[in-house]
Amino acid sequence: MAVYTLINGATQVFATFTTIIPYQTDNPIPQPTIGNVQGFQLVVKGNNGQNVSATVQIATSNDGVTWSNYVDALTAMGVTTGNATWNATGNYKFFSAILTAISGTGAKATLTMSA
């Protein structure tokens, strides 16, 4: 099993419209070793005792140009730390993620995918 970080340390919201374009510093992950079952984990961390939340939309593509939303958006929330997980099945060549919302003092989000 391989683990990939799709977003890491993001501290701002990336707006998207009808087409999903991955943020350039988080290049899409090609599929050579990605199976057709994926596990996603979103973790958001902030300052001690502060409410934090983050929402991430996962995107998939078979050509690296045309992107589609994959599964429902993941939202993690909590005090100081929040966590959300999702398992999905699909055979795609590329995976990426866009941070659509984040809040809380010092909040940073990380999304990992295992396949």
C-alpha atoms as a PDB file:
ATOM      1  CA  MET A   1       0.000   0.000   0.000  1.00  0.00           C
ATOM      2  CA  ALA A   2       1.258   3.464  -0.883  1.00  0.00           C
ATOM      3  CA  VAL A   3       0.327   6.706   0.903  1.00  0.00           C
ATOM      4  CA  TYR A   4       0.171   9.996  -0.995  1.00  0.00           C
ATOM      5  CA  THR A   5      -0.240  13.530   0.343  1.00  0.00           C
ATOM      6  CA  LEU A   6      -2.672  15.411  -1.877  1.00  0.00           C
ATOM      7  CA  ILE A   7      -2.673  18.736  -0.006  1.00  0.00           C
ATOM      8  CA  ASN A   8      -0.334  19.695   2.779  1.00  0.00           C
ATOM      9  CA  GLY A   9      -0.109  22.682   5.067  1.00  0.00           C
ATOM     10  CA  ALA A  10      -2.630  24.711   3.096  1.00  0.00           C
ATOM     11  CA  THR A  11      -3.653  27.882   4.872  1.00  0.00           C
ATOM     12  CA  GLN A  12      -5.985  29.521   2.378  1.00  0.00           C
ATOM     13  CA  VAL A  13      -9.079  28.713   0.387  1.00  0.00           C
ATOM     14  CA  PHE A  14      -8.632  27.822  -3.275  1.00  0.00           C
ATOM     15  CA  ALA A  15     -11.764  28.774  -5.200  1.00  0.00           C
ATOM     16  CA  THR A  16     -12.979  26.541  -7.989  1.00  0.00           C
ATOM     17  CA  PHE A  17     -15.654  26.977 -10.579  1.00  0.00           C
ATOM     18  CA  THR A  18     -17.083  24.329 -12.904  1.00  0.00           C
ATOM     19  CA  THR A  19     -13.700  22.879 -13.826  1.00  0.00           C
ATOM     20  CA  ILE A  20     -11.312  21.577 -11.215  1.00  0.00           C
ATOM     21  CA  ILE A  21      -7.712  22.580 -11.810  1.00  0.00           C
ATOM     22  CA  PRO A  22      -5.276  21.200  -9.239  1.00  0.00           C
ATOM     23  CA  TYR A  23      -3.169  23.690  -7.341  1.00  0.00           C
ATOM     24  CA  GLN A  24       0.165  23.679  -9.160  1.00  0.00           C
ATOM     25  CA  THR A  25       2.465  22.965  -6.200  1.00  0.00           C
ATOM     26  CA  ASP A  26       0.430  19.822  -5.400  1.00  0.00           C
ATOM     27  CA  ASN A  27       0.910  18.067  -8.725  1.00  0.00           C
ATOM     28  CA  PRO A  28      -1.605  15.319  -9.485  1.00  0.00           C
ATOM     29  CA  ILE A  29      -0.590  11.856  -8.398  1.00  0.00           C
ATOM     30  CA  PRO A  30      -0.229   9.414 -11.342  1.00  0.00           C
ATOM     31  CA  GLN A  31      -1.643   5.928 -10.940  1.00  0.00           C
ATOM     32  CA  PRO A  32       1.086   3.348 -11.611  1.00  0.00           C
ATOM     33  CA  THR A  33       0.726   1.818  -8.135  1.00  0.00           C
ATOM     34  CA  ILE A  34      -2.754   3.098  -7.234  1.00  0.00           C
ATOM     35  CA  GLY A  35      -5.362   0.354  -6.956  1.00  0.00           C
ATOM     36  CA  ASN A  36      -9.094   0.690  -7.456  1.00  0.00           C
ATOM     37  CA  VAL A  37      -9.773   1.076  -3.705  1.00  0.00           C
ATOM     38  CA  GLN A  38      -8.662   4.269  -1.973  1.00  0.00           C
ATOM     39  CA  GLY A  39      -8.795   5.486   1.599  1.00  0.00           C
ATOM     40  CA  PHE A  40      -8.724   9.221   2.284  1.00  0.00           C
ATOM     41  CA  GLN A  41      -7.930  10.933   5.589  1.00  0.00           C
ATOM     42  CA  LEU A  42      -8.340  14.660   6.184  1.00  0.00           C
ATOM     43  CA  VAL A  43      -6.697  16.109   9.290  1.00  0.00           C
ATOM     44  CA  VAL A  44      -6.974  19.737  10.347  1.00  0.00           C
ATOM     45  CA  LYS A  45      -4.910  21.148  13.218  1.00  0.00           C
ATOM     46  CA  GLY A  46      -4.885  24.572  14.814  1.00  0.00           C
ATOM     47  CA  ASN A  47      -3.924  26.402  17.972  1.00  0.00           C
ATOM     48  CA  ASN A  48      -4.668  24.772  21.334  1.00  0.00           C
ATOM     49  CA  GLY A  49      -8.287  25.101  22.425  1.00  0.00           C
ATOM     50  CA  GLN A  50      -9.443  26.727  19.171  1.00  0.00           C
ATOM     51  CA  ASN A  51     -12.250  25.388  16.985  1.00  0.00           C
ATOM     52  CA  VAL A  52     -10.931  24.289  13.589  1.00  0.00           C
ATOM     53  CA  SER A  53     -12.538  22.977  10.426  1.00  0.00           C
ATOM     54  CA  ALA A  54     -11.528  22.208   6.861  1.00  0.00           C
ATOM     55  CA  THR A  55     -13.360  20.968   3.775  1.00  0.00           C
ATOM     56  CA  VAL A  56     -11.641  19.291   0.834  1.00  0.00           C
ATOM     57  CA  GLN A  57     -13.005  18.253  -2.550  1.00  0.00           C
ATOM     58  CA  ILE A  58     -11.185  15.299  -4.085  1.00  0.00           C
ATOM     59  CA  ALA A  59     -10.854  15.305  -7.872  1.00  0.00           C
ATOM     60  CA  THR A  60      -9.996  12.591 -10.387  1.00  0.00           C
ATOM     61  CA  SER A  61      -8.869  12.485 -13.996  1.00  0.00           C
ATOM     62  CA  ASN A  62      -7.762   9.949 -16.561  1.00  0.00           C
ATOM     63  CA  ASP A  63      -5.936  12.437 -18.776  1.00  0.00           C
ATOM     64  CA  GLY A  64      -4.624  15.059 -16.306  1.00  0.00           C
ATOM     65  CA  VAL A  65      -6.632  17.765 -18.119  1.00  0.00           C
ATOM     66  CA  THR A  66     -10.321  17.071 -17.528  1.00  0.00           C
ATOM     67  CA  TRP A  67     -11.159  16.786 -13.819  1.00  0.00           C
ATOM     68  CA  SER A  68     -14.308  15.643 -12.011  1.00  0.00           C
ATOM     69  CA  ASN A  69     -15.351  15.721  -8.384  1.00  0.00           C
ATOM     70  CA  TYR A  70     -14.827  12.346  -6.740  1.00  0.00           C
ATOM     71  CA  VAL A  71     -16.967  11.332  -3.776  1.00  0.00           C
ATOM     72  CA  ASP A  72     -18.577  13.932  -1.534  1.00  0.00           C
ATOM     73  CA  ALA A  73     -16.455  16.701  -0.070  1.00  0.00           C
ATOM     74  CA  LEU A  74     -14.750  15.718   3.188  1.00  0.00           C
ATOM     75  CA  THR A  75     -15.141  17.970   6.221  1.00  0.00           C
ATOM     76  CA  ALA A  76     -13.096  17.616   9.395  1.00  0.00           C
ATOM     77  CA  MET A  77     -13.769  19.699  12.508  1.00  0.00           C
ATOM     78  CA  GLY A  78     -12.958  19.742  16.183  1.00  0.00           C
ATOM     79  CA  VAL A  79     -11.240  21.577  18.999  1.00  0.00           C
ATOM     80  CA  THR A  80      -7.499  21.915  18.219  1.00  0.00           C
ATOM     81  CA  THR A  81      -7.697  18.886  15.850  1.00  0.00           C
ATOM     82  CA  GLY A  82     -10.289  17.418  13.511  1.00  0.00           C
ATOM     83  CA  ASN A  83     -10.277  14.223  11.475  1.00  0.00           C
ATOM     84  CA  ALA A  84     -12.439  12.747   8.701  1.00  0.00           C
ATOM     85  CA  THR A  85     -12.011   9.557   6.679  1.00  0.00           C
ATOM     86  CA  TRP A  86     -13.611   8.201   3.521  1.00  0.00           C
ATOM     87  CA  ASN A  87     -13.171   4.997   1.543  1.00  0.00           C
ATOM     88  CA  ALA A  88     -13.959   4.876  -2.159  1.00  0.00           C
ATOM     89  CA  THR A  89     -13.510   2.675  -5.193  1.00  0.00           C
ATOM     90  CA  GLY A  90     -12.563   3.889  -8.629  1.00  0.00           C
ATOM     91  CA  ASN A  91      -9.929   3.292 -11.248  1.00  0.00           C
ATOM     92  CA  TYR A  92      -8.439   6.682 -12.168  1.00  0.00           C
ATOM     93  CA  LYS A  93      -4.965   7.677 -13.324  1.00  0.00           C
ATOM     94  CA  PHE A  94      -4.761  10.969 -11.403  1.00  0.00           C
ATOM     95  CA  PHE A  95      -5.966  12.184  -8.026  1.00  0.00           C
ATOM     96  CA  SER A  96      -5.827  15.694  -6.629  1.00  0.00           C
ATOM     97  CA  ALA A  97      -7.624  17.707  -3.972  1.00  0.00           C
ATOM     98  CA  ILE A  98      -8.715  21.273  -3.502  1.00  0.00           C
ATOM     99  CA  LEU A  99      -9.119  22.883  -0.100  1.00  0.00           C
ATOM    100  CA  THR A 100     -12.491  24.609  -0.395  1.00  0.00           C
ATOM    101  CA  ALA A 101     -12.775  25.956   3.172  1.00  0.00           C
ATOM    102  CA  ILE A 102     -10.619  26.248   6.267  1.00  0.00           C
ATOM    103  CA  SER A 103     -11.185  28.087   9.526  1.00  0.00           C
ATOM    104  CA  GLY A 104      -9.642  28.413  12.965  1.00  0.00           C
ATOM    105  CA  THR A 105      -6.626  30.181  14.371  1.00  0.00           C
ATOM    106  CA  GLY A 106      -3.468  28.649  12.904  1.00  0.00           C
ATOM    107  CA  ALA A 107      -5.464  25.982  11.028  1.00  0.00           C
ATOM    108  CA  LYS A 108      -3.571  23.758   8.590  1.00  0.00           C
ATOM    109  CA  ALA A 109      -5.014  20.823   6.665  1.00  0.00           C
ATOM    110  CA  THR A 110      -3.447  17.641   5.326  1.00  0.00           C
ATOM    111  CA  LEU A 111      -5.167  15.094   3.103  1.00  0.00           C
ATOM    112  CA  THR A 112      -3.593  11.694   2.577  1.00  0.00           C
ATOM    113  CA  MET A 113      -4.706   8.900   0.288  1.00  0.00           C
ATOM    114  CA  SER A 114      -3.790   5.265   0.733  1.00  0.00           C
ATOM    115  CA  ALA A 115      -4.169   2.846  -2.151  1.00  0.00           C
END
